[in-house]
Amino acid sequence: MNTIQYQKEKIAPSKVVCIGRNYVEHIEELGNEIPENMVVFNKPNSAVTDTLRYFGEATRFEGEICFLMQSDRIAGVGFGLDLTHADIQNRLKAKGLPWERAKAFDGSAVLSDFVPFEGDISKLRMRFYYNGKLQQFADYDLMMYKPETMIAQIKGFMTLEDGDVIMSGTPKGVGNYRVGDQFVGEVYEGENLLIRGEWVVQEKTI
């Protein structure tokens, strides 16, 4: 089981629950329609990693605020990258087929450490820097579905196990990347930096 670090302990999520199309400007930049209902898909435990690897020129990064769940509540926050095989996803979407081949591959959920969180969730925001330049920004107000709504709707059809992670969706600014690129993701509560994740893109290993 792949693990993530939390309060100096290793936690193995059974799954990563991802919220799709949660920011209007991101929906528009990809030419998608605003969904009638919250879009949900899963990444398995085998997708979880702390290493960012290169999976080809069509692979896209998507920075996100992430939540660590315990006892059906948010216990921690972190930063994550939802990696997507954009070419494969486009073909699957055109045929109305599931996205797992494009979204759930090994190494596609790149997660920072998580820090305990009991603060004001409405003050959460993220900043993502790509090769030193601000690439993505998001905050609570820009989310179409707020964290409380995400949790309630997920629990309506699926159990959230302790240690599971919710990826809350990506804002505009997604893009492709190459070996050697530098990524920095930060999550704040107001002006207080809660967690920073830093990665340099590595070659894919067999």
N, C-alpha and C. Protein backbone atom coordinates (compact mmCIF):
# COMPACT_ATOMS: atom_id res chain seq x y z
N MET A 1 0.84 -1.20 0.00
CA MET A 1 0.00 0.00 0.00
C MET A 1 0.88 1.25 0.00
N ASN A 2 0.60 2.18 -0.88
CA ASN A 2 1.32 3.45 -0.91
C ASN A 2 0.85 4.33 0.24
N THR A 3 1.78 5.07 0.83
CA THR A 3 1.48 5.83 2.05
C THR A 3 1.73 7.31 1.85
N ILE A 4 1.13 8.11 2.74
CA ILE A 4 1.40 9.54 2.82
C ILE A 4 1.80 9.85 4.26
N GLN A 5 2.54 10.92 4.43
CA GLN A 5 3.02 11.31 5.74
C GLN A 5 2.02 12.25 6.40
N TYR A 6 1.72 12.02 7.67
CA TYR A 6 0.80 12.87 8.41
C TYR A 6 1.17 12.81 9.88
N GLN A 7 1.52 13.96 10.44
CA GLN A 7 1.89 14.03 11.86
C GLN A 7 2.93 12.97 12.22
N LYS A 8 3.96 12.86 11.36
CA LYS A 8 5.07 11.94 11.57
C LYS A 8 4.65 10.47 11.53
N GLU A 9 3.42 10.20 11.04
CA GLU A 9 2.96 8.84 10.87
C GLU A 9 2.67 8.60 9.40
N LYS A 10 2.75 7.34 9.00
CA LYS A 10 2.41 6.98 7.64
C LYS A 10 0.96 6.51 7.59
N ILE A 11 0.18 7.10 6.68
CA ILE A 11 -1.21 6.73 6.51
C ILE A 11 -1.39 6.25 5.08
N ALA A 12 -2.10 5.12 4.91
CA ALA A 12 -2.33 4.56 3.59
C ALA A 12 -3.79 4.75 3.22
N PRO A 13 -4.09 5.71 2.35
CA PRO A 13 -5.48 5.89 1.93
C PRO A 13 -5.96 4.69 1.12
N SER A 14 -7.20 4.28 1.35
CA SER A 14 -7.75 3.20 0.53
C SER A 14 -8.05 3.70 -0.87
N LYS A 15 -8.27 5.03 -0.98
CA LYS A 15 -8.59 5.64 -2.27
C LYS A 15 -8.41 7.15 -2.16
N VAL A 16 -8.32 7.77 -3.32
CA VAL A 16 -8.34 9.23 -3.44
C VAL A 16 -9.61 9.57 -4.21
N VAL A 17 -10.48 10.34 -3.58
CA VAL A 17 -11.75 10.73 -4.21
C VAL A 17 -11.57 12.11 -4.83
N CYS A 18 -11.77 12.21 -6.13
CA CYS A 18 -11.49 13.44 -6.86
C CYS A 18 -12.78 14.12 -7.29
N ILE A 19 -12.82 15.43 -7.13
CA ILE A 19 -13.96 16.23 -7.57
C ILE A 19 -13.57 16.90 -8.88
N GLY A 20 -14.32 16.62 -9.92
CA GLY A 20 -14.02 17.20 -11.24
C GLY A 20 -14.88 18.43 -11.52
N ARG A 21 -14.35 19.32 -12.35
CA ARG A 21 -15.09 20.49 -12.83
C ARG A 21 -15.69 21.30 -11.67
N ASN A 22 -14.83 21.67 -10.72
CA ASN A 22 -15.30 22.40 -9.54
C ASN A 22 -14.99 23.89 -9.61
N TYR A 23 -14.34 24.34 -10.70
CA TYR A 23 -14.03 25.76 -10.87
C TYR A 23 -14.48 26.18 -12.27
N VAL A 24 -15.29 27.20 -12.35
CA VAL A 24 -15.90 27.60 -13.61
C VAL A 24 -14.85 27.94 -14.66
N GLU A 25 -13.81 28.70 -14.30
CA GLU A 25 -12.83 29.12 -15.29
C GLU A 25 -12.02 27.94 -15.83
N HIS A 26 -11.83 26.91 -15.01
CA HIS A 26 -11.16 25.70 -15.51
C HIS A 26 -12.07 24.96 -16.48
N ILE A 27 -13.36 24.88 -16.18
CA ILE A 27 -14.30 24.25 -17.11
C ILE A 27 -14.24 24.95 -18.46
N GLU A 28 -14.20 26.29 -18.42
CA GLU A 28 -14.17 27.06 -19.66
C GLU A 28 -12.88 26.88 -20.43
N GLU A 29 -11.73 26.79 -19.71
CA GLU A 29 -10.45 26.68 -20.42
C GLU A 29 -10.32 25.36 -21.17
N LEU A 30 -11.04 24.32 -20.70
CA LEU A 30 -10.99 23.03 -21.39
C LEU A 30 -12.18 22.82 -22.32
N GLY A 31 -13.06 23.82 -22.40
CA GLY A 31 -14.19 23.73 -23.30
C GLY A 31 -15.25 22.74 -22.88
N ASN A 32 -15.36 22.50 -21.57
CA ASN A 32 -16.36 21.57 -21.06
C ASN A 32 -17.64 22.30 -20.67
N GLU A 33 -18.70 21.53 -20.45
CA GLU A 33 -19.95 22.09 -19.98
C GLU A 33 -19.98 22.08 -18.46
N ILE A 34 -20.64 23.06 -17.86
CA ILE A 34 -20.83 23.07 -16.42
C ILE A 34 -21.78 21.92 -16.08
N PRO A 35 -21.38 21.00 -15.20
CA PRO A 35 -22.20 19.81 -14.93
C PRO A 35 -23.43 20.15 -14.09
N GLU A 36 -24.48 19.36 -14.28
CA GLU A 36 -25.68 19.52 -13.47
C GLU A 36 -25.46 19.02 -12.05
N ASN A 37 -24.59 18.03 -11.89
CA ASN A 37 -24.29 17.45 -10.59
C ASN A 37 -22.77 17.39 -10.39
N MET A 38 -22.37 17.25 -9.14
CA MET A 38 -20.95 17.17 -8.81
C MET A 38 -20.32 15.96 -9.51
N VAL A 39 -19.19 16.19 -10.17
CA VAL A 39 -18.47 15.12 -10.86
C VAL A 39 -17.50 14.46 -9.87
N VAL A 40 -17.56 13.14 -9.75
CA VAL A 40 -16.72 12.40 -8.81
C VAL A 40 -16.06 11.23 -9.54
N PHE A 41 -14.76 11.06 -9.31
CA PHE A 41 -14.07 9.86 -9.78
C PHE A 41 -13.00 9.51 -8.76
N ASN A 42 -12.53 8.27 -8.80
CA ASN A 42 -11.57 7.78 -7.81
C ASN A 42 -10.22 7.45 -8.44
N LYS A 43 -9.19 7.61 -7.61
CA LYS A 43 -7.88 7.06 -7.92
C LYS A 43 -7.57 6.00 -6.85
N PRO A 44 -7.03 4.86 -7.23
CA PRO A 44 -6.73 3.82 -6.25
C PRO A 44 -5.50 4.14 -5.42
N ASN A 45 -5.27 3.34 -4.40
CA ASN A 45 -4.09 3.54 -3.56
C ASN A 45 -2.81 3.47 -4.38
N SER A 46 -2.79 2.65 -5.43
CA SER A 46 -1.57 2.51 -6.24
C SER A 46 -1.22 3.79 -7.00
N ALA A 47 -2.16 4.73 -7.08
CA ALA A 47 -1.88 6.01 -7.74
C ALA A 47 -1.13 6.98 -6.83
N VAL A 48 -1.17 6.73 -5.51
CA VAL A 48 -0.62 7.67 -4.53
C VAL A 48 0.91 7.63 -4.54
N THR A 49 1.53 8.81 -4.57
CA THR A 49 2.99 8.91 -4.56
C THR A 49 3.40 10.28 -4.05
N ASP A 50 4.66 10.39 -3.65
CA ASP A 50 5.22 11.71 -3.31
C ASP A 50 6.27 12.12 -4.34
N THR A 51 6.35 11.38 -5.44
CA THR A 51 7.33 11.64 -6.49
C THR A 51 6.61 12.00 -7.78
N LEU A 52 7.01 13.09 -8.41
CA LEU A 52 6.40 13.55 -9.65
C LEU A 52 7.23 13.04 -10.83
N ARG A 53 6.61 12.23 -11.66
CA ARG A 53 7.32 11.64 -12.79
C ARG A 53 6.72 12.10 -14.12
N TYR A 54 7.52 11.96 -15.15
CA TYR A 54 7.12 12.34 -16.51
C TYR A 54 6.49 11.13 -17.20
N PHE A 55 5.26 11.31 -17.69
CA PHE A 55 4.53 10.22 -18.33
C PHE A 55 4.24 10.50 -19.80
N GLY A 56 4.96 11.43 -20.40
CA GLY A 56 4.75 11.74 -21.80
C GLY A 56 4.23 13.14 -22.01
N GLU A 57 4.39 13.65 -23.23
CA GLU A 57 4.10 15.05 -23.51
C GLU A 57 2.62 15.39 -23.42
N ALA A 58 1.74 14.40 -23.47
CA ALA A 58 0.31 14.67 -23.39
C ALA A 58 -0.22 14.62 -21.95
N THR A 59 0.66 14.36 -20.99
CA THR A 59 0.23 14.30 -19.60
C THR A 59 0.13 15.71 -19.03
N ARG A 60 -0.98 15.98 -18.32
CA ARG A 60 -1.30 17.31 -17.81
C ARG A 60 -1.26 17.33 -16.29
N PHE A 61 -0.77 18.43 -15.72
CA PHE A 61 -0.81 18.62 -14.27
C PHE A 61 -2.04 19.45 -13.89
N GLU A 62 -2.60 19.16 -12.71
CA GLU A 62 -3.74 19.90 -12.18
C GLU A 62 -3.53 20.04 -10.67
N GLY A 63 -3.21 21.24 -10.18
CA GLY A 63 -2.97 21.47 -8.77
C GLY A 63 -4.27 21.59 -7.98
N GLU A 64 -4.28 21.03 -6.76
CA GLU A 64 -5.52 20.99 -5.99
C GLU A 64 -5.27 21.07 -4.48
N ILE A 65 -6.21 21.69 -3.77
CA ILE A 65 -6.27 21.58 -2.31
C ILE A 65 -6.80 20.19 -1.98
N CYS A 66 -6.15 19.52 -1.05
CA CYS A 66 -6.53 18.16 -0.69
C CYS A 66 -6.89 18.06 0.78
N PHE A 67 -7.81 17.15 1.08
CA PHE A 67 -8.28 16.95 2.45
C PHE A 67 -8.04 15.52 2.88
N LEU A 68 -7.48 15.35 4.06
CA LEU A 68 -7.31 14.03 4.67
C LEU A 68 -8.49 13.77 5.60
N MET A 69 -9.13 12.63 5.42
CA MET A 69 -10.35 12.33 6.17
C MET A 69 -10.09 11.36 7.32
N GLN A 70 -10.69 11.65 8.45
CA GLN A 70 -10.71 10.75 9.59
C GLN A 70 -12.04 10.92 10.31
N SER A 71 -12.69 9.80 10.63
CA SER A 71 -13.98 9.82 11.33
C SER A 71 -14.99 10.71 10.61
N ASP A 72 -15.01 10.61 9.29
CA ASP A 72 -15.97 11.34 8.45
C ASP A 72 -15.82 12.86 8.52
N ARG A 73 -14.66 13.33 8.87
CA ARG A 73 -14.44 14.77 8.91
C ARG A 73 -13.05 15.08 8.37
N ILE A 74 -12.84 16.35 8.00
CA ILE A 74 -11.53 16.79 7.54
C ILE A 74 -10.59 16.89 8.73
N ALA A 75 -9.53 16.09 8.70
CA ALA A 75 -8.56 16.10 9.80
C ALA A 75 -7.27 16.79 9.40
N GLY A 76 -7.01 16.90 8.10
CA GLY A 76 -5.76 17.52 7.65
C GLY A 76 -5.91 18.07 6.25
N VAL A 77 -4.99 18.97 5.88
CA VAL A 77 -4.99 19.55 4.54
C VAL A 77 -3.60 19.38 3.93
N GLY A 78 -3.57 19.31 2.61
CA GLY A 78 -2.33 19.19 1.89
C GLY A 78 -2.52 19.70 0.47
N PHE A 79 -1.45 19.58 -0.32
CA PHE A 79 -1.50 19.97 -1.72
C PHE A 79 -1.30 18.73 -2.58
N GLY A 80 -2.02 18.67 -3.67
CA GLY A 80 -1.89 17.51 -4.55
C GLY A 80 -1.89 17.88 -6.01
N LEU A 81 -1.32 16.99 -6.81
CA LEU A 81 -1.33 17.11 -8.27
C LEU A 81 -2.10 15.92 -8.84
N ASP A 82 -3.17 16.22 -9.55
CA ASP A 82 -3.94 15.22 -10.27
C ASP A 82 -3.36 15.16 -11.68
N LEU A 83 -2.60 14.10 -11.97
CA LEU A 83 -2.01 13.95 -13.30
C LEU A 83 -3.01 13.26 -14.23
N THR A 84 -3.06 13.74 -15.47
CA THR A 84 -4.06 13.26 -16.42
C THR A 84 -3.42 13.01 -17.77
N HIS A 85 -3.68 11.82 -18.34
CA HIS A 85 -3.33 11.59 -19.74
C HIS A 85 -4.41 12.28 -20.58
N ALA A 86 -4.15 13.52 -20.98
CA ALA A 86 -5.18 14.33 -21.62
C ALA A 86 -5.65 13.74 -22.94
N ASP A 87 -4.74 13.16 -23.71
CA ASP A 87 -5.13 12.58 -25.00
C ASP A 87 -6.07 11.40 -24.80
N ILE A 88 -5.74 10.56 -23.83
CA ILE A 88 -6.59 9.39 -23.56
C ILE A 88 -7.94 9.84 -23.01
N GLN A 89 -7.93 10.82 -22.11
CA GLN A 89 -9.18 11.29 -21.54
C GLN A 89 -10.10 11.86 -22.62
N ASN A 90 -9.54 12.61 -23.55
CA ASN A 90 -10.36 13.19 -24.62
C ASN A 90 -11.02 12.12 -25.47
N ARG A 91 -10.28 11.04 -25.76
CA ARG A 91 -10.86 9.95 -26.53
C ARG A 91 -11.97 9.25 -25.76
N LEU A 92 -11.73 9.03 -24.47
CA LEU A 92 -12.74 8.35 -23.64
C LEU A 92 -13.99 9.20 -23.51
N LYS A 93 -13.81 10.51 -23.26
CA LYS A 93 -14.96 11.40 -23.12
C LYS A 93 -15.79 11.43 -24.40
N ALA A 94 -15.12 11.44 -25.56
CA ALA A 94 -15.83 11.50 -26.83
C ALA A 94 -16.72 10.28 -27.04
N LYS A 95 -16.34 9.15 -26.43
CA LYS A 95 -17.11 7.91 -26.57
C LYS A 95 -18.02 7.65 -25.37
N GLY A 96 -18.02 8.59 -24.40
CA GLY A 96 -18.84 8.40 -23.22
C GLY A 96 -18.37 7.29 -22.31
N LEU A 97 -17.06 7.02 -22.31
CA LEU A 97 -16.49 5.93 -21.53
C LEU A 97 -15.85 6.44 -20.24
N PRO A 98 -15.66 5.58 -19.23
CA PRO A 98 -15.02 5.99 -17.97
C PRO A 98 -13.59 6.50 -18.18
N TRP A 99 -13.08 7.23 -17.18
CA TRP A 99 -11.81 7.92 -17.31
C TRP A 99 -10.63 7.19 -16.67
N GLU A 100 -10.81 6.00 -16.11
CA GLU A 100 -9.75 5.41 -15.29
C GLU A 100 -8.41 5.32 -15.99
N ARG A 101 -8.38 4.97 -17.26
CA ARG A 101 -7.11 4.85 -17.97
C ARG A 101 -6.37 6.19 -18.04
N ALA A 102 -7.11 7.27 -17.99
CA ALA A 102 -6.51 8.60 -18.09
C ALA A 102 -6.22 9.23 -16.74
N LYS A 103 -6.90 8.78 -15.70
CA LYS A 103 -6.85 9.46 -14.40
C LYS A 103 -6.32 8.60 -13.25
N ALA A 104 -6.43 7.29 -13.36
CA ALA A 104 -6.18 6.43 -12.20
C ALA A 104 -4.91 5.60 -12.33
N PHE A 105 -4.02 5.97 -13.25
CA PHE A 105 -2.80 5.19 -13.44
C PHE A 105 -1.84 5.35 -12.25
N ASP A 106 -0.94 4.40 -12.09
CA ASP A 106 0.03 4.44 -11.00
C ASP A 106 0.83 5.74 -11.06
N GLY A 107 0.95 6.41 -9.90
CA GLY A 107 1.73 7.64 -9.82
C GLY A 107 0.98 8.89 -10.22
N SER A 108 -0.34 8.79 -10.39
CA SER A 108 -1.12 9.94 -10.88
C SER A 108 -1.68 10.82 -9.79
N ALA A 109 -1.51 10.44 -8.52
CA ALA A 109 -1.95 11.27 -7.39
C ALA A 109 -0.71 11.65 -6.59
N VAL A 110 -0.13 12.78 -6.95
CA VAL A 110 1.11 13.24 -6.31
C VAL A 110 0.73 14.12 -5.12
N LEU A 111 1.05 13.68 -3.91
CA LEU A 111 0.57 14.35 -2.70
C LEU A 111 1.72 14.85 -1.84
N SER A 112 1.53 16.04 -1.28
CA SER A 112 2.45 16.56 -0.27
C SER A 112 2.18 15.85 1.04
N ASP A 113 2.95 16.19 2.08
CA ASP A 113 2.55 15.81 3.44
C ASP A 113 1.24 16.51 3.78
N PHE A 114 0.57 16.05 4.80
CA PHE A 114 -0.65 16.69 5.30
C PHE A 114 -0.39 17.23 6.71
N VAL A 115 -1.04 18.35 7.03
CA VAL A 115 -0.92 18.92 8.37
C VAL A 115 -2.30 18.91 9.02
N PRO A 116 -2.35 18.75 10.34
CA PRO A 116 -3.65 18.78 11.03
C PRO A 116 -4.36 20.11 10.78
N PHE A 117 -5.67 20.05 10.67
CA PHE A 117 -6.43 21.27 10.40
C PHE A 117 -7.73 21.28 11.20
N GLU A 118 -7.88 22.33 12.01
CA GLU A 118 -9.13 22.55 12.74
C GLU A 118 -9.53 24.02 12.65
N GLY A 119 -9.06 24.69 11.59
CA GLY A 119 -9.29 26.12 11.45
C GLY A 119 -10.55 26.45 10.67
N ASP A 120 -10.54 27.62 10.05
CA ASP A 120 -11.68 28.13 9.29
C ASP A 120 -11.52 27.68 7.83
N ILE A 121 -12.33 26.71 7.44
CA ILE A 121 -12.18 26.14 6.11
C ILE A 121 -12.48 27.15 5.01
N SER A 122 -13.29 28.16 5.34
CA SER A 122 -13.65 29.18 4.34
C SER A 122 -12.48 30.10 4.01
N LYS A 123 -11.39 30.01 4.78
CA LYS A 123 -10.22 30.84 4.53
C LYS A 123 -9.12 30.10 3.77
N LEU A 124 -9.39 28.87 3.33
CA LEU A 124 -8.38 28.09 2.63
C LEU A 124 -8.17 28.61 1.21
N ARG A 125 -6.91 28.62 0.80
CA ARG A 125 -6.57 28.98 -0.57
C ARG A 125 -5.26 28.28 -0.95
N MET A 126 -5.02 28.18 -2.23
CA MET A 126 -3.79 27.53 -2.71
C MET A 126 -3.12 28.38 -3.76
N ARG A 127 -1.80 28.22 -3.85
CA ARG A 127 -1.00 28.83 -4.91
C ARG A 127 -0.06 27.75 -5.44
N PHE A 128 0.02 27.68 -6.76
CA PHE A 128 0.87 26.68 -7.40
C PHE A 128 1.82 27.38 -8.36
N TYR A 129 3.12 27.12 -8.18
CA TYR A 129 4.16 27.74 -8.99
C TYR A 129 4.80 26.69 -9.90
N TYR A 130 4.89 27.04 -11.18
CA TYR A 130 5.48 26.16 -12.18
C TYR A 130 6.74 26.84 -12.72
N ASN A 131 7.88 26.23 -12.45
CA ASN A 131 9.18 26.81 -12.84
C ASN A 131 9.30 28.26 -12.36
N GLY A 132 8.87 28.50 -11.14
CA GLY A 132 9.05 29.80 -10.49
C GLY A 132 7.97 30.82 -10.76
N LYS A 133 7.02 30.53 -11.64
CA LYS A 133 5.96 31.48 -11.96
C LYS A 133 4.62 30.98 -11.43
N LEU A 134 3.80 31.91 -10.93
CA LEU A 134 2.49 31.54 -10.43
C LEU A 134 1.65 30.99 -11.57
N GLN A 135 1.23 29.75 -11.44
CA GLN A 135 0.50 29.06 -12.50
C GLN A 135 -0.99 28.91 -12.19
N GLN A 136 -1.30 28.61 -10.92
CA GLN A 136 -2.69 28.39 -10.53
C GLN A 136 -2.95 29.03 -9.17
N PHE A 137 -4.17 29.53 -9.00
CA PHE A 137 -4.61 30.07 -7.73
C PHE A 137 -6.04 29.64 -7.51
N ALA A 138 -6.38 29.29 -6.26
CA ALA A 138 -7.77 28.91 -5.95
C ALA A 138 -8.04 29.23 -4.49
N ASP A 139 -9.29 29.49 -4.20
CA ASP A 139 -9.71 29.62 -2.80
C ASP A 139 -11.12 29.09 -2.63
N TYR A 140 -11.56 29.06 -1.40
CA TYR A 140 -12.87 28.52 -1.03
C TYR A 140 -13.98 29.17 -1.83
N ASP A 141 -13.93 30.48 -1.99
CA ASP A 141 -15.01 31.20 -2.66
C ASP A 141 -15.17 30.79 -4.12
N LEU A 142 -14.08 30.38 -4.77
CA LEU A 142 -14.14 30.01 -6.18
C LEU A 142 -14.68 28.60 -6.42
N MET A 143 -14.76 27.80 -5.36
CA MET A 143 -15.26 26.43 -5.51
C MET A 143 -16.76 26.43 -5.78
N MET A 144 -17.19 25.70 -6.79
CA MET A 144 -18.62 25.53 -7.02
C MET A 144 -19.24 24.67 -5.91
N TYR A 145 -18.53 23.62 -5.55
CA TYR A 145 -18.97 22.73 -4.46
C TYR A 145 -18.00 22.88 -3.30
N LYS A 146 -18.51 23.35 -2.17
CA LYS A 146 -17.67 23.58 -1.00
C LYS A 146 -17.34 22.24 -0.33
N PRO A 147 -16.30 22.19 0.51
CA PRO A 147 -15.91 20.93 1.14
C PRO A 147 -17.03 20.22 1.88
N GLU A 148 -17.89 20.97 2.57
CA GLU A 148 -18.99 20.34 3.29
C GLU A 148 -19.92 19.61 2.33
N THR A 149 -20.18 20.23 1.18
CA THR A 149 -21.04 19.61 0.17
C THR A 149 -20.37 18.39 -0.45
N MET A 150 -19.07 18.50 -0.71
CA MET A 150 -18.34 17.36 -1.26
C MET A 150 -18.51 16.13 -0.37
N ILE A 151 -18.23 16.33 0.91
CA ILE A 151 -18.27 15.21 1.86
C ILE A 151 -19.66 14.62 1.94
N ALA A 152 -20.68 15.47 2.04
CA ALA A 152 -22.05 14.99 2.16
C ALA A 152 -22.46 14.17 0.93
N GLN A 153 -22.11 14.68 -0.26
CA GLN A 153 -22.50 13.96 -1.47
C GLN A 153 -21.72 12.66 -1.64
N ILE A 154 -20.43 12.66 -1.32
CA ILE A 154 -19.64 11.42 -1.40
C ILE A 154 -20.21 10.37 -0.45
N LYS A 155 -20.50 10.77 0.77
CA LYS A 155 -21.01 9.83 1.76
C LYS A 155 -22.40 9.30 1.40
N GLY A 156 -23.08 9.98 0.49
CA GLY A 156 -24.38 9.52 0.06
C GLY A 156 -24.35 8.22 -0.73
N PHE A 157 -23.15 7.85 -1.24
CA PHE A 157 -23.08 6.60 -2.00
C PHE A 157 -21.80 5.81 -1.78
N MET A 158 -20.88 6.33 -0.95
CA MET A 158 -19.59 5.66 -0.79
C MET A 158 -19.02 5.96 0.59
N THR A 159 -18.42 4.96 1.22
CA THR A 159 -17.83 5.14 2.54
C THR A 159 -16.46 5.80 2.43
N LEU A 160 -16.23 6.80 3.27
CA LEU A 160 -14.92 7.43 3.39
C LEU A 160 -14.18 6.77 4.55
N GLU A 161 -13.15 6.02 4.22
CA GLU A 161 -12.34 5.35 5.25
C GLU A 161 -11.35 6.34 5.85
N ASP A 162 -10.94 6.07 7.10
CA ASP A 162 -9.90 6.90 7.71
C ASP A 162 -8.64 6.85 6.86
N GLY A 163 -8.08 8.02 6.58
CA GLY A 163 -6.89 8.10 5.75
C GLY A 163 -7.17 8.36 4.30
N ASP A 164 -8.44 8.28 3.88
CA ASP A 164 -8.77 8.61 2.50
C ASP A 164 -8.53 10.10 2.24
N VAL A 165 -8.27 10.42 0.99
CA VAL A 165 -7.98 11.80 0.58
C VAL A 165 -9.03 12.27 -0.42
N ILE A 166 -9.49 13.50 -0.24
CA ILE A 166 -10.35 14.14 -1.22
C ILE A 166 -9.54 15.21 -1.94
N MET A 167 -9.48 15.11 -3.27
CA MET A 167 -8.87 16.16 -4.09
C MET A 167 -10.03 17.05 -4.57
N SER A 168 -9.98 18.34 -4.23
CA SER A 168 -11.17 19.19 -4.31
C SER A 168 -11.39 19.86 -5.66
N GLY A 169 -10.60 19.51 -6.67
CA GLY A 169 -10.76 20.11 -7.99
C GLY A 169 -9.68 21.13 -8.29
N THR A 170 -9.48 21.39 -9.56
CA THR A 170 -8.40 22.28 -9.99
C THR A 170 -8.93 23.56 -10.62
N PRO A 171 -8.28 24.68 -10.36
CA PRO A 171 -8.65 25.94 -11.02
C PRO A 171 -8.02 26.02 -12.40
N LYS A 172 -8.25 27.13 -13.09
CA LYS A 172 -7.66 27.31 -14.42
C LYS A 172 -6.13 27.37 -14.29
N GLY A 173 -5.47 27.07 -15.40
CA GLY A 173 -4.01 27.13 -15.43
C GLY A 173 -3.34 25.79 -15.55
N VAL A 174 -4.10 24.73 -15.89
CA VAL A 174 -3.48 23.41 -16.05
C VAL A 174 -2.60 23.41 -17.29
N GLY A 175 -1.67 22.46 -17.34
CA GLY A 175 -0.76 22.43 -18.48
C GLY A 175 0.08 21.17 -18.50
N ASN A 176 0.93 21.08 -19.50
CA ASN A 176 1.83 19.94 -19.66
C ASN A 176 3.20 20.27 -19.06
N TYR A 177 4.04 19.26 -18.91
CA TYR A 177 5.32 19.47 -18.24
C TYR A 177 6.36 18.50 -18.80
N ARG A 178 7.63 18.77 -18.40
CA ARG A 178 8.74 17.95 -18.89
C ARG A 178 9.68 17.58 -17.73
N VAL A 179 10.56 16.64 -17.99
CA VAL A 179 11.57 16.24 -17.01
C VAL A 179 12.40 17.46 -16.62
N GLY A 180 12.62 17.62 -15.31
CA GLY A 180 13.43 18.73 -14.81
C GLY A 180 12.63 19.95 -14.40
N ASP A 181 11.35 20.02 -14.79
CA ASP A 181 10.52 21.14 -14.37
C ASP A 181 10.36 21.15 -12.85
N GLN A 182 10.19 22.35 -12.30
CA GLN A 182 10.08 22.52 -10.85
C GLN A 182 8.67 22.96 -10.48
N PHE A 183 8.09 22.27 -9.50
CA PHE A 183 6.74 22.55 -9.02
C PHE A 183 6.79 22.91 -7.55
N VAL A 184 6.02 23.92 -7.16
CA VAL A 184 5.83 24.26 -5.75
C VAL A 184 4.35 24.51 -5.53
N GLY A 185 3.76 23.77 -4.61
CA GLY A 185 2.35 23.96 -4.26
C GLY A 185 2.22 24.37 -2.81
N GLU A 186 1.39 25.38 -2.53
CA GLU A 186 1.21 25.90 -1.18
C GLU A 186 -0.26 26.00 -0.84
N VAL A 187 -0.60 25.66 0.40
CA VAL A 187 -1.96 25.82 0.91
C VAL A 187 -1.91 26.75 2.11
N TYR A 188 -2.80 27.74 2.12
CA TYR A 188 -2.85 28.75 3.17
C TYR A 188 -4.21 28.73 3.86
N GLU A 189 -4.22 29.15 5.12
CA GLU A 189 -5.44 29.57 5.79
C GLU A 189 -5.32 31.07 5.98
N GLY A 190 -6.01 31.83 5.15
CA GLY A 190 -5.79 33.27 5.14
C GLY A 190 -4.38 33.56 4.67
N GLU A 191 -3.60 34.27 5.49
CA GLU A 191 -2.20 34.57 5.16
C GLU A 191 -1.22 33.59 5.77
N ASN A 192 -1.73 32.60 6.51
CA ASN A 192 -0.88 31.65 7.21
C ASN A 192 -0.60 30.44 6.31
N LEU A 193 0.68 30.24 5.98
CA LEU A 193 1.07 29.09 5.18
C LEU A 193 0.95 27.82 6.02
N LEU A 194 0.14 26.87 5.53
CA LEU A 194 -0.07 25.62 6.25
C LEU A 194 0.88 24.53 5.80
N ILE A 195 1.07 24.41 4.49
CA ILE A 195 1.89 23.32 3.95
C ILE A 195 2.44 23.72 2.59
N ARG A 196 3.65 23.29 2.32
CA ARG A 196 4.27 23.51 1.00
C ARG A 196 4.80 22.17 0.49
N GLY A 197 4.50 21.87 -0.75
CA GLY A 197 5.07 20.70 -1.41
C GLY A 197 5.96 21.14 -2.56
N GLU A 198 7.13 20.53 -2.70
CA GLU A 198 8.07 20.88 -3.75
C GLU A 198 8.50 19.62 -4.50
N TRP A 199 8.51 19.71 -5.82
CA TRP A 199 8.89 18.57 -6.65
C TRP A 199 9.72 19.02 -7.84
N VAL A 200 10.63 18.16 -8.26
CA VAL A 200 11.31 18.28 -9.55
C VAL A 200 10.92 17.04 -10.34
N VAL A 201 10.48 17.24 -11.58
CA VAL A 201 9.96 16.13 -12.40
C VAL A 201 11.07 15.15 -12.70
N GLN A 202 10.80 13.87 -12.40
CA GLN A 202 11.76 12.80 -12.62
C GLN A 202 11.39 11.97 -13.86
N GLU A 203 12.36 11.30 -14.41
CA GLU A 203 12.09 10.35 -15.49
C GLU A 203 11.20 9.24 -14.97
N LYS A 204 10.32 8.75 -15.83
CA LYS A 204 9.50 7.60 -15.46
C LYS A 204 10.39 6.34 -15.41
N THR A 205 10.22 5.57 -14.36
CA THR A 205 10.95 4.31 -14.24
C THR A 205 10.02 3.14 -14.57
N ILE A 206 10.61 2.05 -15.02
CA ILE A 206 9.81 0.88 -15.38
C ILE A 206 9.30 0.20 -14.11
